[in-house]
N, C-alpha and C. Protein backbone atom coordinates (compact mmCIF):
# COMPACT_ATOMS: atom_id res chain seq x y z
N UNK A 1 -79.11 -17.64 -30.55
CA UNK A 1 -80.03 -16.61 -30.15
C UNK A 1 -80.22 -16.57 -28.64
N UNK A 2 -80.19 -17.74 -28.00
CA UNK A 2 -80.37 -17.81 -26.55
C UNK A 2 -79.23 -17.12 -25.82
N UNK A 3 -78.05 -17.11 -26.41
CA UNK A 3 -76.90 -16.45 -25.78
C UNK A 3 -77.10 -14.94 -25.77
N UNK A 4 -77.63 -14.38 -26.84
CA UNK A 4 -77.90 -12.95 -26.88
C UNK A 4 -78.98 -12.56 -25.86
N UNK A 5 -79.97 -13.42 -25.71
CA UNK A 5 -81.02 -13.16 -24.72
C UNK A 5 -80.44 -13.22 -23.31
N UNK A 6 -79.50 -14.15 -23.08
CA UNK A 6 -78.87 -14.21 -21.75
C UNK A 6 -78.04 -12.96 -21.47
N UNK A 7 -77.44 -12.37 -22.50
CA UNK A 7 -76.71 -11.10 -22.32
C UNK A 7 -77.68 -9.99 -21.90
N UNK A 8 -78.83 -9.95 -22.54
CA UNK A 8 -79.83 -8.94 -22.19
C UNK A 8 -80.35 -9.16 -20.78
N UNK A 9 -80.57 -10.40 -20.38
CA UNK A 9 -81.05 -10.69 -19.03
C UNK A 9 -79.99 -10.30 -18.00
N UNK A 10 -78.73 -10.60 -18.27
CA UNK A 10 -77.65 -10.22 -17.36
C UNK A 10 -77.56 -8.71 -17.23
N UNK A 11 -77.72 -7.99 -18.34
CA UNK A 11 -77.71 -6.53 -18.31
C UNK A 11 -78.88 -6.00 -17.48
N UNK A 12 -80.06 -6.59 -17.65
CA UNK A 12 -81.24 -6.13 -16.91
C UNK A 12 -81.13 -6.44 -15.42
N UNK A 13 -80.48 -7.54 -15.06
CA UNK A 13 -80.26 -7.83 -13.64
C UNK A 13 -79.35 -6.76 -13.03
N UNK A 14 -78.30 -6.38 -13.75
CA UNK A 14 -77.42 -5.32 -13.27
C UNK A 14 -78.14 -3.99 -13.15
N UNK A 15 -78.96 -3.67 -14.14
CA UNK A 15 -79.72 -2.43 -14.11
C UNK A 15 -80.72 -2.43 -12.95
N UNK A 16 -81.37 -3.56 -12.71
CA UNK A 16 -82.29 -3.68 -11.58
C UNK A 16 -81.56 -3.46 -10.26
N UNK A 17 -80.36 -4.01 -10.15
CA UNK A 17 -79.57 -3.84 -8.93
C UNK A 17 -79.19 -2.38 -8.71
N UNK A 18 -78.86 -1.68 -9.76
CA UNK A 18 -78.48 -0.27 -9.63
C UNK A 18 -79.67 0.58 -9.23
N UNK A 19 -80.82 0.31 -9.82
CA UNK A 19 -81.99 1.16 -9.61
C UNK A 19 -82.66 0.90 -8.26
N UNK A 20 -82.74 -0.34 -7.82
CA UNK A 20 -83.56 -0.66 -6.66
C UNK A 20 -82.80 -0.83 -5.35
N UNK A 21 -81.53 -1.15 -5.39
CA UNK A 21 -80.80 -1.43 -4.16
C UNK A 21 -80.33 -0.15 -3.49
N UNK A 22 -80.21 -0.19 -2.16
CA UNK A 22 -79.73 0.97 -1.41
C UNK A 22 -78.31 0.76 -0.91
N UNK A 23 -77.80 -0.44 -0.97
CA UNK A 23 -76.45 -0.74 -0.51
C UNK A 23 -75.46 -0.40 -1.62
N UNK A 24 -74.40 0.35 -1.27
CA UNK A 24 -73.43 0.79 -2.27
C UNK A 24 -72.67 -0.38 -2.90
N UNK A 25 -72.37 -1.40 -2.12
CA UNK A 25 -71.66 -2.56 -2.66
C UNK A 25 -72.52 -3.28 -3.69
N UNK A 26 -73.82 -3.41 -3.42
CA UNK A 26 -74.72 -4.07 -4.37
C UNK A 26 -74.86 -3.24 -5.65
N UNK A 27 -74.82 -1.94 -5.52
CA UNK A 27 -74.85 -1.07 -6.70
C UNK A 27 -73.59 -1.26 -7.53
N UNK A 28 -72.43 -1.37 -6.87
CA UNK A 28 -71.18 -1.61 -7.59
C UNK A 28 -71.20 -2.96 -8.31
N UNK A 29 -71.78 -3.97 -7.67
CA UNK A 29 -71.92 -5.27 -8.32
C UNK A 29 -72.84 -5.18 -9.53
N UNK A 30 -73.89 -4.36 -9.43
CA UNK A 30 -74.78 -4.15 -10.57
C UNK A 30 -74.05 -3.52 -11.75
N UNK A 31 -73.19 -2.53 -11.47
CA UNK A 31 -72.40 -1.94 -12.54
C UNK A 31 -71.48 -2.98 -13.19
N UNK A 32 -70.87 -3.82 -12.36
CA UNK A 32 -69.98 -4.86 -12.90
C UNK A 32 -70.75 -5.85 -13.77
N UNK A 33 -71.96 -6.23 -13.35
CA UNK A 33 -72.77 -7.13 -14.16
C UNK A 33 -73.12 -6.52 -15.52
N UNK A 34 -73.44 -5.24 -15.51
CA UNK A 34 -73.75 -4.57 -16.78
C UNK A 34 -72.52 -4.54 -17.69
N UNK A 35 -71.35 -4.28 -17.13
CA UNK A 35 -70.13 -4.27 -17.93
C UNK A 35 -69.84 -5.65 -18.52
N UNK A 36 -70.03 -6.69 -17.70
CA UNK A 36 -69.78 -8.05 -18.19
C UNK A 36 -70.75 -8.43 -19.29
N UNK A 37 -72.00 -8.01 -19.16
CA UNK A 37 -73.00 -8.31 -20.19
C UNK A 37 -72.64 -7.65 -21.52
N UNK A 38 -72.20 -6.41 -21.46
CA UNK A 38 -71.82 -5.71 -22.70
C UNK A 38 -70.58 -6.34 -23.31
N UNK A 39 -69.59 -6.70 -22.48
CA UNK A 39 -68.39 -7.35 -23.01
C UNK A 39 -68.71 -8.69 -23.66
N UNK A 40 -69.59 -9.45 -23.03
CA UNK A 40 -70.00 -10.74 -23.60
C UNK A 40 -70.72 -10.54 -24.93
N UNK A 41 -71.56 -9.53 -25.00
CA UNK A 41 -72.28 -9.24 -26.24
C UNK A 41 -71.31 -8.89 -27.36
N UNK A 42 -70.32 -8.03 -27.07
CA UNK A 42 -69.33 -7.68 -28.09
C UNK A 42 -68.54 -8.90 -28.55
N UNK A 43 -68.16 -9.76 -27.63
CA UNK A 43 -67.41 -10.96 -28.00
C UNK A 43 -68.27 -11.89 -28.86
N UNK A 44 -69.56 -11.97 -28.56
CA UNK A 44 -70.45 -12.83 -29.34
C UNK A 44 -70.71 -12.28 -30.73
N UNK A 45 -70.68 -10.97 -30.88
CA UNK A 45 -70.90 -10.37 -32.20
C UNK A 45 -69.78 -10.77 -33.16
N UNK A 46 -68.55 -10.85 -32.66
CA UNK A 46 -67.42 -11.19 -33.53
C UNK A 46 -67.25 -12.68 -33.76
N UNK A 47 -68.01 -13.53 -33.07
CA UNK A 47 -67.85 -14.98 -33.19
C UNK A 47 -68.55 -15.52 -34.42
N UNK A 48 -67.89 -16.46 -35.09
CA UNK A 48 -68.49 -17.20 -36.21
C UNK A 48 -68.18 -18.67 -36.01
N UNK A 49 -69.19 -19.49 -36.12
CA UNK A 49 -69.00 -20.92 -35.92
C UNK A 49 -68.18 -21.51 -37.06
N UNK A 50 -67.17 -22.27 -36.70
CA UNK A 50 -66.32 -22.91 -37.69
C UNK A 50 -65.29 -21.99 -38.33
N UNK A 51 -65.13 -20.78 -37.81
CA UNK A 51 -64.19 -19.83 -38.40
C UNK A 51 -62.81 -20.01 -37.79
N UNK A 52 -61.82 -19.54 -38.51
CA UNK A 52 -60.43 -19.63 -38.08
C UNK A 52 -59.97 -18.29 -37.51
N UNK A 53 -58.89 -18.34 -36.75
CA UNK A 53 -58.26 -17.11 -36.28
C UNK A 53 -57.70 -16.36 -37.49
N UNK A 54 -57.72 -15.04 -37.49
CA UNK A 54 -57.29 -14.29 -38.68
C UNK A 54 -55.79 -14.35 -38.93
N UNK A 55 -55.02 -14.97 -38.05
CA UNK A 55 -53.58 -15.07 -38.29
C UNK A 55 -53.22 -16.32 -39.08
N UNK A 56 -54.14 -17.27 -39.18
CA UNK A 56 -53.88 -18.50 -39.94
C UNK A 56 -54.35 -18.26 -41.37
N UNK A 57 -53.41 -18.12 -42.27
CA UNK A 57 -53.79 -17.84 -43.65
C UNK A 57 -53.09 -18.79 -44.61
N UNK A 58 -53.75 -19.02 -45.68
CA UNK A 58 -53.19 -19.79 -46.79
C UNK A 58 -53.59 -19.05 -48.06
N UNK A 59 -52.64 -18.79 -48.91
CA UNK A 59 -52.88 -17.97 -50.08
C UNK A 59 -53.78 -18.68 -51.08
N UNK A 60 -53.67 -19.98 -51.20
CA UNK A 60 -54.38 -20.68 -52.26
C UNK A 60 -55.85 -21.02 -51.94
N UNK A 61 -56.26 -20.97 -50.67
CA UNK A 61 -57.65 -21.33 -50.37
C UNK A 61 -58.29 -20.26 -49.48
N UNK A 62 -59.51 -19.85 -49.82
CA UNK A 62 -60.20 -18.87 -48.98
C UNK A 62 -60.72 -19.51 -47.69
N UNK A 63 -60.72 -18.73 -46.63
CA UNK A 63 -61.18 -19.22 -45.33
C UNK A 63 -62.20 -18.27 -44.74
N UNK A 64 -62.97 -18.80 -43.83
CA UNK A 64 -63.90 -17.99 -43.06
C UNK A 64 -63.18 -17.58 -41.77
N UNK A 65 -62.99 -16.28 -41.57
CA UNK A 65 -62.24 -15.79 -40.43
C UNK A 65 -63.14 -15.14 -39.40
N UNK A 66 -62.68 -15.19 -38.14
CA UNK A 66 -63.33 -14.51 -37.04
C UNK A 66 -62.94 -13.03 -37.10
N UNK A 67 -63.88 -12.15 -36.81
CA UNK A 67 -63.60 -10.72 -36.81
C UNK A 67 -62.83 -10.35 -35.54
N UNK A 68 -61.59 -9.84 -35.64
CA UNK A 68 -60.80 -9.55 -34.45
C UNK A 68 -61.13 -8.21 -33.78
N UNK A 69 -61.85 -7.33 -34.45
CA UNK A 69 -62.14 -6.00 -33.90
C UNK A 69 -62.96 -6.08 -32.60
N UNK A 70 -64.06 -6.82 -32.54
CA UNK A 70 -64.80 -6.90 -31.28
C UNK A 70 -63.97 -7.49 -30.13
N UNK A 71 -63.10 -8.43 -30.45
CA UNK A 71 -62.26 -9.00 -29.41
C UNK A 71 -61.29 -7.97 -28.85
N UNK A 72 -60.73 -7.15 -29.72
CA UNK A 72 -59.83 -6.08 -29.26
C UNK A 72 -60.60 -5.05 -28.44
N UNK A 73 -61.81 -4.73 -28.86
CA UNK A 73 -62.63 -3.79 -28.08
C UNK A 73 -62.96 -4.35 -26.70
N UNK A 74 -63.23 -5.63 -26.62
CA UNK A 74 -63.56 -6.25 -25.33
C UNK A 74 -62.34 -6.23 -24.42
N UNK A 75 -61.17 -6.52 -24.94
CA UNK A 75 -59.97 -6.47 -24.11
C UNK A 75 -59.73 -5.07 -23.58
N UNK A 76 -59.93 -4.07 -24.40
CA UNK A 76 -59.79 -2.69 -23.94
C UNK A 76 -60.86 -2.35 -22.92
N UNK A 77 -62.08 -2.79 -23.14
CA UNK A 77 -63.18 -2.50 -22.22
C UNK A 77 -62.97 -3.18 -20.87
N UNK A 78 -62.36 -4.35 -20.87
CA UNK A 78 -62.08 -5.05 -19.61
C UNK A 78 -61.11 -4.24 -18.76
N UNK A 79 -60.08 -3.70 -19.38
CA UNK A 79 -59.10 -2.90 -18.65
C UNK A 79 -59.75 -1.63 -18.11
N UNK A 80 -60.55 -0.97 -18.91
CA UNK A 80 -61.22 0.25 -18.46
C UNK A 80 -62.23 -0.07 -17.35
N UNK A 81 -62.95 -1.16 -17.48
CA UNK A 81 -63.92 -1.56 -16.45
C UNK A 81 -63.22 -1.88 -15.14
N UNK A 82 -62.06 -2.50 -15.21
CA UNK A 82 -61.31 -2.80 -14.00
C UNK A 82 -60.91 -1.52 -13.28
N UNK A 83 -60.46 -0.53 -14.04
CA UNK A 83 -60.08 0.74 -13.43
C UNK A 83 -61.26 1.47 -12.82
N UNK A 84 -62.38 1.51 -13.52
CA UNK A 84 -63.55 2.21 -12.98
C UNK A 84 -64.14 1.47 -11.78
N UNK A 85 -64.11 0.15 -11.79
CA UNK A 85 -64.62 -0.62 -10.65
C UNK A 85 -63.72 -0.41 -9.44
N UNK A 86 -62.42 -0.40 -9.64
CA UNK A 86 -61.50 -0.15 -8.53
C UNK A 86 -61.71 1.24 -7.95
N UNK A 87 -61.87 2.23 -8.81
CA UNK A 87 -62.13 3.59 -8.34
C UNK A 87 -63.46 3.68 -7.59
N UNK A 88 -64.47 3.00 -8.09
CA UNK A 88 -65.78 3.00 -7.44
C UNK A 88 -65.69 2.36 -6.06
N UNK A 89 -64.96 1.26 -5.94
CA UNK A 89 -64.83 0.60 -4.64
C UNK A 89 -64.01 1.43 -3.66
N UNK A 90 -63.01 2.15 -4.15
CA UNK A 90 -62.23 3.03 -3.28
C UNK A 90 -63.12 4.15 -2.73
N UNK A 91 -63.93 4.75 -3.59
CA UNK A 91 -64.85 5.80 -3.14
C UNK A 91 -65.86 5.24 -2.14
N UNK A 92 -66.36 4.04 -2.39
CA UNK A 92 -67.31 3.41 -1.46
C UNK A 92 -66.65 3.17 -0.11
N UNK A 93 -65.41 2.71 -0.11
CA UNK A 93 -64.72 2.47 1.16
C UNK A 93 -64.46 3.77 1.91
N UNK A 94 -64.16 4.85 1.20
CA UNK A 94 -63.99 6.17 1.85
C UNK A 94 -65.31 6.65 2.46
N UNK A 95 -66.40 6.43 1.75
CA UNK A 95 -67.72 6.80 2.29
C UNK A 95 -68.01 5.97 3.54
N UNK A 96 -67.65 4.70 3.51
CA UNK A 96 -67.88 3.85 4.68
C UNK A 96 -67.04 4.31 5.87
N UNK A 97 -65.78 4.71 5.62
CA UNK A 97 -64.93 5.19 6.70
C UNK A 97 -65.51 6.45 7.34
N UNK A 98 -66.13 7.30 6.54
CA UNK A 98 -66.67 8.55 7.07
C UNK A 98 -68.01 8.36 7.76
N UNK A 99 -68.94 7.61 7.14
CA UNK A 99 -70.31 7.50 7.64
C UNK A 99 -70.61 6.19 8.35
N UNK A 100 -69.72 5.21 8.29
CA UNK A 100 -69.89 3.89 8.92
C UNK A 100 -71.13 3.14 8.45
N UNK A 101 -71.52 3.34 7.20
CA UNK A 101 -72.65 2.61 6.63
C UNK A 101 -72.52 2.58 5.11
N UNK A 102 -73.11 1.56 4.52
CA UNK A 102 -73.17 1.46 3.06
C UNK A 102 -74.55 1.87 2.53
N UNK A 103 -75.48 2.16 3.41
CA UNK A 103 -76.85 2.47 3.02
C UNK A 103 -76.96 3.91 2.53
N UNK A 104 -77.48 4.09 1.33
CA UNK A 104 -77.59 5.42 0.73
C UNK A 104 -78.57 6.29 1.50
N UNK A 105 -79.67 5.71 1.98
CA UNK A 105 -80.66 6.49 2.72
C UNK A 105 -80.08 7.05 4.01
N UNK A 106 -79.27 6.27 4.68
CA UNK A 106 -78.63 6.76 5.91
C UNK A 106 -77.61 7.86 5.62
N UNK A 107 -76.89 7.73 4.54
CA UNK A 107 -75.89 8.74 4.16
C UNK A 107 -76.58 10.05 3.81
N UNK A 108 -77.72 9.99 3.14
CA UNK A 108 -78.45 11.21 2.79
C UNK A 108 -78.99 11.91 4.03
N UNK A 109 -79.36 11.14 5.07
CA UNK A 109 -79.86 11.73 6.31
C UNK A 109 -78.77 12.47 7.07
N UNK A 110 -77.52 11.98 7.01
CA UNK A 110 -76.45 12.55 7.81
C UNK A 110 -76.03 13.93 7.34
N UNK A 111 -75.91 14.12 6.06
CA UNK A 111 -75.56 15.42 5.45
C UNK A 111 -74.39 16.10 6.14
N UNK A 112 -73.26 15.41 6.20
CA UNK A 112 -72.14 16.07 6.84
C UNK A 112 -70.82 15.56 6.47
C-alpha cells in the first residue's frame, strides 16, 4: 500500500511543479515526474508477489502468473513519453534561443 501512496506523492510533486513554477525546464521536469508516477503505478498494478512470468508453463500444475498487459502498456508509454519529452525540450530550447530566458513571465511580457 505504501508503494501506491508513493506513486500518488510523486504524481502530486510533478503536478505542483507544473502549476507553480515559472521556469520552463522545471515544468518539463514536472511532466516527466508525472509520467514516471503513472508508469510505476501501471507496473505495480500488474505485479503479484510470488507469481511467475507467463511464459513459464507446466501443463500438469496450475501456477500464479503475473499479468503481462500492464507491463506492455508501460513499455509503450515509456517510448511515447520519451518522444513527447524530447519534443518539449526542443520547443523550450527554441524559445530560449528567441527570448534568451526560460521564465514564462518574461516571455509573456515580450510578446514578439
